Amino acid sequence: MTAIARACNYHIWVLRHIRRLIPVDVAKTLACSIVGARLDYCNALLNNGASNKNIAVLQRLQNSLARVVLREPRFAHATAMLQSLHW
């Protein structure tokens, strides 16, 4: 789980640096294909009894990814962003 979270954080960091150069739809596609695929993989593994700590890590990663895609501030509330992205 730690290695996957580290990889997701790296890809979110890279996306954050190129985000201003690409439109929202491209950012959303990149986010879903690179980071979203890893998160889906974790969800599939964790369905058989995940700890609350692991679920919280995945939720924080998804929230961070939504903020990067929509170019929102770091401490913006993520619920509305996740709904607008249909995540």
C-alpha atoms as a PDB file:
ATOM      1  CA  MET A   1       0.000   0.000   0.000  1.00  0.00           C
ATOM      2  CA  THR A   2       2.814   2.417   0.835  1.00  0.00           C
ATOM      3  CA  ALA A   3       4.537   1.909  -2.510  1.00  0.00           C
ATOM      4  CA  ILE A   4       1.318   2.534  -4.406  1.00  0.00           C
ATOM      5  CA  ALA A   5       0.569   5.679  -2.374  1.00  0.00           C
ATOM      6  CA  ARG A   6       4.105   6.924  -3.026  1.00  0.00           C
ATOM      7  CA  ALA A   7       3.735   6.298  -6.768  1.00  0.00           C
ATOM      8  CA  CYS A   8       0.360   8.067  -6.823  1.00  0.00           C
ATOM      9  CA  ASN A   9       1.804  11.064  -4.976  1.00  0.00           C
ATOM     10  CA  TYR A  10       4.629  11.240  -7.508  1.00  0.00           C
ATOM     11  CA  HIS A  11       2.232  11.230 -10.467  1.00  0.00           C
ATOM     12  CA  ILE A  12       0.009  13.835  -8.799  1.00  0.00           C
ATOM     13  CA  TRP A  13       3.113  15.981  -8.257  1.00  0.00           C
ATOM     14  CA  VAL A  14       4.064  15.676 -11.943  1.00  0.00           C
ATOM     15  CA  LEU A  15       0.526  16.474 -13.057  1.00  0.00           C
ATOM     16  CA  ARG A  16       0.497  19.532 -10.800  1.00  0.00           C
ATOM     17  CA  HIS A  17       3.556  20.889 -12.619  1.00  0.00           C
ATOM     18  CA  ILE A  18       2.115  20.511 -16.113  1.00  0.00           C
ATOM     19  CA  ARG A  19      -1.511  21.268 -15.202  1.00  0.00           C
ATOM     20  CA  ARG A  20      -1.453  24.920 -16.247  1.00  0.00           C
ATOM     21  CA  LEU A  21      -0.327  23.885 -19.741  1.00  0.00           C
ATOM     22  CA  ILE A  22      -3.159  21.454 -20.486  1.00  0.00           C
ATOM     23  CA  PRO A  23      -6.957  21.818 -20.624  1.00  0.00           C
ATOM     24  CA  VAL A  24      -9.270  20.310 -18.012  1.00  0.00           C
ATOM     25  CA  ASP A  25     -10.411  17.394 -20.176  1.00  0.00           C
ATOM     26  CA  VAL A  26      -6.820  16.309 -20.869  1.00  0.00           C
ATOM     27  CA  ALA A  27      -5.936  16.648 -17.177  1.00  0.00           C
ATOM     28  CA  LYS A  28      -8.956  14.551 -16.247  1.00  0.00           C
ATOM     29  CA  THR A  29      -8.001  11.868 -18.768  1.00  0.00           C
ATOM     30  CA  LEU A  30      -4.411  11.751 -17.521  1.00  0.00           C
ATOM     31  CA  ALA A  31      -5.555  11.636 -13.910  1.00  0.00           C
ATOM     32  CA  CYS A  32      -7.969   8.788 -14.533  1.00  0.00           C
ATOM     33  CA  SER A  33      -5.563   6.759 -16.631  1.00  0.00           C
ATOM     34  CA  ILE A  34      -2.429   7.133 -14.513  1.00  0.00           C
ATOM     35  CA  VAL A  35      -3.465   7.686 -10.907  1.00  0.00           C
ATOM     36  CA  GLY A  36      -7.073   6.521 -11.090  1.00  0.00           C
ATOM     37  CA  ALA A  37      -6.001   3.118 -12.354  1.00  0.00           C
ATOM     38  CA  ARG A  38      -3.726   2.654  -9.338  1.00  0.00           C
ATOM     39  CA  LEU A  39      -6.497   3.748  -6.965  1.00  0.00           C
ATOM     40  CA  ASP A  40      -8.934   1.319  -8.585  1.00  0.00           C
ATOM     41  CA  TYR A  41      -6.368  -1.435  -8.176  1.00  0.00           C
ATOM     42  CA  CYS A  42      -6.097  -0.644  -4.454  1.00  0.00           C
ATOM     43  CA  ASN A  43      -9.872  -0.596  -4.072  1.00  0.00           C
ATOM     44  CA  ALA A  44     -10.103  -4.034  -5.644  1.00  0.00           C
ATOM     45  CA  LEU A  45      -7.508  -5.396  -3.221  1.00  0.00           C
ATOM     46  CA  LEU A  46      -8.985  -3.688  -0.179  1.00  0.00           C
ATOM     47  CA  ASN A  47     -12.564  -4.870  -0.685  1.00  0.00           C
ATOM     48  CA  ASN A  48     -11.752  -7.955   1.355  1.00  0.00           C
ATOM     49  CA  GLY A  49     -11.480  -6.080   4.643  1.00  0.00           C
ATOM     50  CA  ALA A  50      -9.618  -2.805   4.509  1.00  0.00           C
ATOM     51  CA  SER A  51      -8.494  -0.915   7.543  1.00  0.00           C
ATOM     52  CA  ASN A  52      -9.774   2.602   8.105  1.00  0.00           C
ATOM     53  CA  LYS A  53      -6.207   3.878   7.786  1.00  0.00           C
ATOM     54  CA  ASN A  54      -5.833   2.444   4.269  1.00  0.00           C
ATOM     55  CA  ILE A  55      -9.192   3.825   3.192  1.00  0.00           C
ATOM     56  CA  ALA A  56      -8.227   7.270   4.532  1.00  0.00           C
ATOM     57  CA  VAL A  57      -4.970   7.187   2.546  1.00  0.00           C
ATOM     58  CA  LEU A  58      -6.854   6.368  -0.662  1.00  0.00           C
ATOM     59  CA  GLN A  59      -9.399   9.119   0.019  1.00  0.00           C
ATOM     60  CA  ARG A  60      -6.662  11.702   0.584  1.00  0.00           C
ATOM     61  CA  LEU A  61      -4.995  10.689  -2.678  1.00  0.00           C
ATOM     62  CA  GLN A  62      -8.268  11.025  -4.571  1.00  0.00           C
ATOM     63  CA  ASN A  63      -8.985  14.407  -2.972  1.00  0.00           C
ATOM     64  CA  SER A  64      -5.512  15.657  -3.862  1.00  0.00           C
ATOM     65  CA  LEU A  65      -5.914  14.465  -7.435  1.00  0.00           C
ATOM     66  CA  ALA A  66      -9.257  16.261  -7.774  1.00  0.00           C
ATOM     67  CA  ARG A  67      -7.700  19.501  -6.515  1.00  0.00           C
ATOM     68  CA  VAL A  68      -4.893  19.259  -9.058  1.00  0.00           C
ATOM     69  CA  VAL A  69      -7.203  18.476 -11.974  1.00  0.00           C
ATOM     70  CA  LEU A  70      -9.528  21.374 -11.175  1.00  0.00           C
ATOM     71  CA  ARG A  71      -6.687  23.715 -10.086  1.00  0.00           C
ATOM     72  CA  GLU A  72      -8.201  24.354  -6.672  1.00  0.00           C
ATOM     73  CA  PRO A  73      -6.310  25.471  -3.562  1.00  0.00           C
ATOM     74  CA  ARG A  74      -4.754  22.836  -1.333  1.00  0.00           C
ATOM     75  CA  PHE A  75      -7.280  23.169   1.482  1.00  0.00           C
ATOM     76  CA  ALA A  76     -10.429  23.498  -0.646  1.00  0.00           C
ATOM     77  CA  HIS A  77     -13.261  21.141   0.282  1.00  0.00           C
ATOM     78  CA  ALA A  78     -13.082  18.111  -2.004  1.00  0.00           C
ATOM     79  CA  THR A  79     -16.641  16.752  -1.922  1.00  0.00           C
ATOM     80  CA  ALA A  80     -18.027  19.129  -4.537  1.00  0.00           C
ATOM     81  CA  MET A  81     -14.970  18.629  -6.719  1.00  0.00           C
ATOM     82  CA  LEU A  82     -15.328  14.853  -6.625  1.00  0.00           C
ATOM     83  CA  GLN A  83     -18.997  15.167  -7.567  1.00  0.00           C
ATOM     84  CA  SER A  84     -18.248  17.503 -10.466  1.00  0.00           C
ATOM     85  CA  LEU A  85     -15.657  15.034 -11.765  1.00  0.00           C
ATOM     86  CA  HIS A  86     -18.074  12.103 -11.237  1.00  0.00           C
ATOM     87  CA  TRP A  87     -15.555  10.287  -9.058  1.00  0.00           C
END
